[in-house]
Amino acid sequence: VELSNTLEISFPTISKFIENMKQDGEVTLVGLDDSSGGRRAKRYAYNPEYMLGLAIFLEGNETNYTIFNCLGEVKEQGSTSSVLIDTGVNVLSKHIESLIATFPKINS
C-alpha cells in the first residue's frame, strides 16, 4: 500500500511488479509487518547484487576498472596496460569480455 500511495499506481500493478522482481531475484521477502487489523504487509529488501556495474578509466599509461554493485560497493578494482594504442579497441573488448565472464551480472 505504501508503494501504491507513493507512486500513485494501483495496488494490483505494484503487486505484479514486486512479484516479477522477486522471481528475478531483484528483491527478497524479509518478513511481515505487524497486523493493523487486516492482512499483514510483506516487507521486501532490494538485492544489491542483482546487477553489477563496470566503470573503465582510460589513462595514458594504464587502464583502470572498477566493478560495483547497485549500492555502489566496490566488488573488484584492477588495472591493465593502456588500451590507448593502435590495437586498443580489441584489447579493451577482450578485457571487458573477460570481466563479464567472471562477473556475469555486469549489465547496463
Protein backbone atom coordinates (compact mmCIF):
# COMPACT_ATOMS: atom_id res chain seq x y z
CA VAL A 1 0.00 0.00 0.00
CA GLU A 2 2.89 2.38 0.79
CA LEU A 3 4.35 1.99 -2.70
CA SER A 4 0.92 2.28 -4.27
CA ASN A 5 0.27 5.56 -2.46
CA THR A 6 3.76 6.99 -3.01
CA LEU A 7 3.93 6.12 -6.72
CA GLU A 8 0.22 6.69 -7.36
CA ILE A 9 -0.03 3.29 -9.06
CA SER A 10 -2.72 0.72 -8.30
CA PHE A 11 -2.02 -1.93 -5.68
CA PRO A 12 -2.51 -4.83 -8.16
CA THR A 13 0.03 -3.25 -10.53
CA ILE A 14 2.56 -2.78 -7.72
CA SER A 15 1.97 -6.36 -6.56
CA LYS A 16 2.62 -7.67 -10.07
CA PHE A 17 5.86 -5.69 -10.40
CA ILE A 18 7.09 -6.80 -6.97
CA GLU A 19 6.29 -10.45 -7.76
CA ASN A 20 8.23 -10.21 -11.05
CA MET A 21 11.16 -8.59 -9.24
CA LYS A 22 11.03 -11.36 -6.60
CA GLN A 23 11.05 -14.10 -9.25
CA ASP A 24 14.03 -12.44 -10.96
CA GLY A 25 15.92 -12.20 -7.66
CA GLU A 26 15.89 -8.40 -7.67
CA VAL A 27 14.08 -8.25 -4.30
CA THR A 28 13.72 -10.73 -1.45
CA LEU A 29 10.97 -11.11 1.11
CA VAL A 30 12.40 -10.17 4.51
CA GLY A 31 9.31 -10.56 6.66
CA LEU A 32 5.83 -9.42 7.51
CA ASP A 33 4.74 -6.25 9.27
CA ASP A 34 2.66 -6.37 12.43
CA SER A 35 -1.04 -6.57 11.71
CA SER A 36 -3.05 -3.38 11.96
CA GLY A 37 -6.30 -5.29 11.76
CA GLY A 38 -6.05 -6.58 8.21
CA ARG A 39 -3.70 -8.73 6.22
CA ARG A 40 -0.06 -8.35 7.32
CA ALA A 41 2.00 -6.34 4.84
CA LYS A 42 5.03 -8.02 3.25
CA ARG A 43 8.42 -6.32 3.55
CA TYR A 44 10.97 -6.67 0.78
CA ALA A 45 14.64 -5.74 0.52
CA TYR A 46 16.43 -4.85 -2.69
CA ASN A 47 19.21 -7.26 -3.69
CA PRO A 48 22.23 -5.04 -4.40
CA GLU A 49 23.99 -7.96 -6.13
CA TYR A 50 21.17 -8.31 -8.67
CA MET A 51 23.08 -6.25 -11.21
CA LEU A 52 26.69 -5.09 -11.27
CA GLY A 53 28.22 -2.08 -12.97
CA LEU A 54 31.57 -1.62 -14.66
CA ALA A 55 33.47 1.67 -14.79
CA ILE A 56 36.54 1.89 -17.02
CA PHE A 57 39.07 4.70 -16.79
CA LEU A 58 41.33 5.10 -19.82
CA GLU A 59 44.64 6.71 -19.00
CA GLY A 60 47.86 7.17 -20.94
CA ASN A 61 49.89 4.54 -19.09
CA GLU A 62 47.20 2.14 -17.92
CA THR A 63 43.52 1.28 -18.00
CA ASN A 64 41.78 1.03 -14.62
CA TYR A 65 38.44 -0.59 -13.90
CA THR A 66 36.02 -0.87 -11.01
CA ILE A 67 33.18 -3.35 -10.64
CA PHE A 68 30.44 -2.25 -8.23
CA ASN A 69 27.01 -3.36 -7.05
CA CYS A 70 23.75 -1.39 -7.00
CA LEU A 71 24.68 0.26 -3.70
CA GLY A 72 28.00 1.44 -5.12
CA GLU A 73 30.00 -1.06 -3.08
CA VAL A 74 33.20 -1.99 -4.88
CA LYS A 75 33.43 -5.69 -5.77
CA GLU A 76 36.75 -5.53 -7.58
CA GLN A 77 39.23 -2.98 -8.83
CA GLY A 78 42.16 -3.50 -11.11
CA SER A 79 44.30 -2.20 -13.88
CA THR A 80 45.86 -3.39 -17.09
CA SER A 81 48.14 -1.90 -19.68
CA SER A 82 46.87 1.11 -21.57
CA VAL A 83 44.40 0.47 -24.36
CA LEU A 84 45.15 3.87 -25.89
CA ILE A 85 47.27 2.23 -28.59
CA ASP A 86 46.63 1.17 -32.17
CA THR A 87 45.07 -2.19 -31.23
CA GLY A 88 43.47 -0.78 -28.12
CA VAL A 89 39.86 -1.35 -29.11
CA ASN A 90 40.48 -5.08 -29.49
CA VAL A 91 42.41 -5.21 -26.21
CA LEU A 92 39.63 -3.29 -24.44
CA SER A 93 36.93 -5.55 -25.91
CA LYS A 94 38.75 -8.69 -24.80
CA HIS A 95 39.27 -7.26 -21.30
CA ILE A 96 35.57 -6.37 -20.99
CA GLU A 97 34.58 -9.84 -22.22
CA SER A 98 36.87 -11.39 -19.61
CA LEU A 99 35.37 -9.27 -16.82
CA ILE A 100 31.82 -10.15 -17.91
CA ALA A 101 32.74 -13.84 -17.97
CA THR A 102 33.99 -13.51 -14.38
CA PHE A 103 31.09 -11.27 -13.28
CA PRO A 104 28.10 -12.25 -15.47
CA LYS A 105 25.79 -9.88 -13.58
CA ILE A 106 27.52 -6.86 -15.14
CA ASN A 107 24.72 -5.12 -17.00
CA SER A 108 23.85 -1.74 -18.40
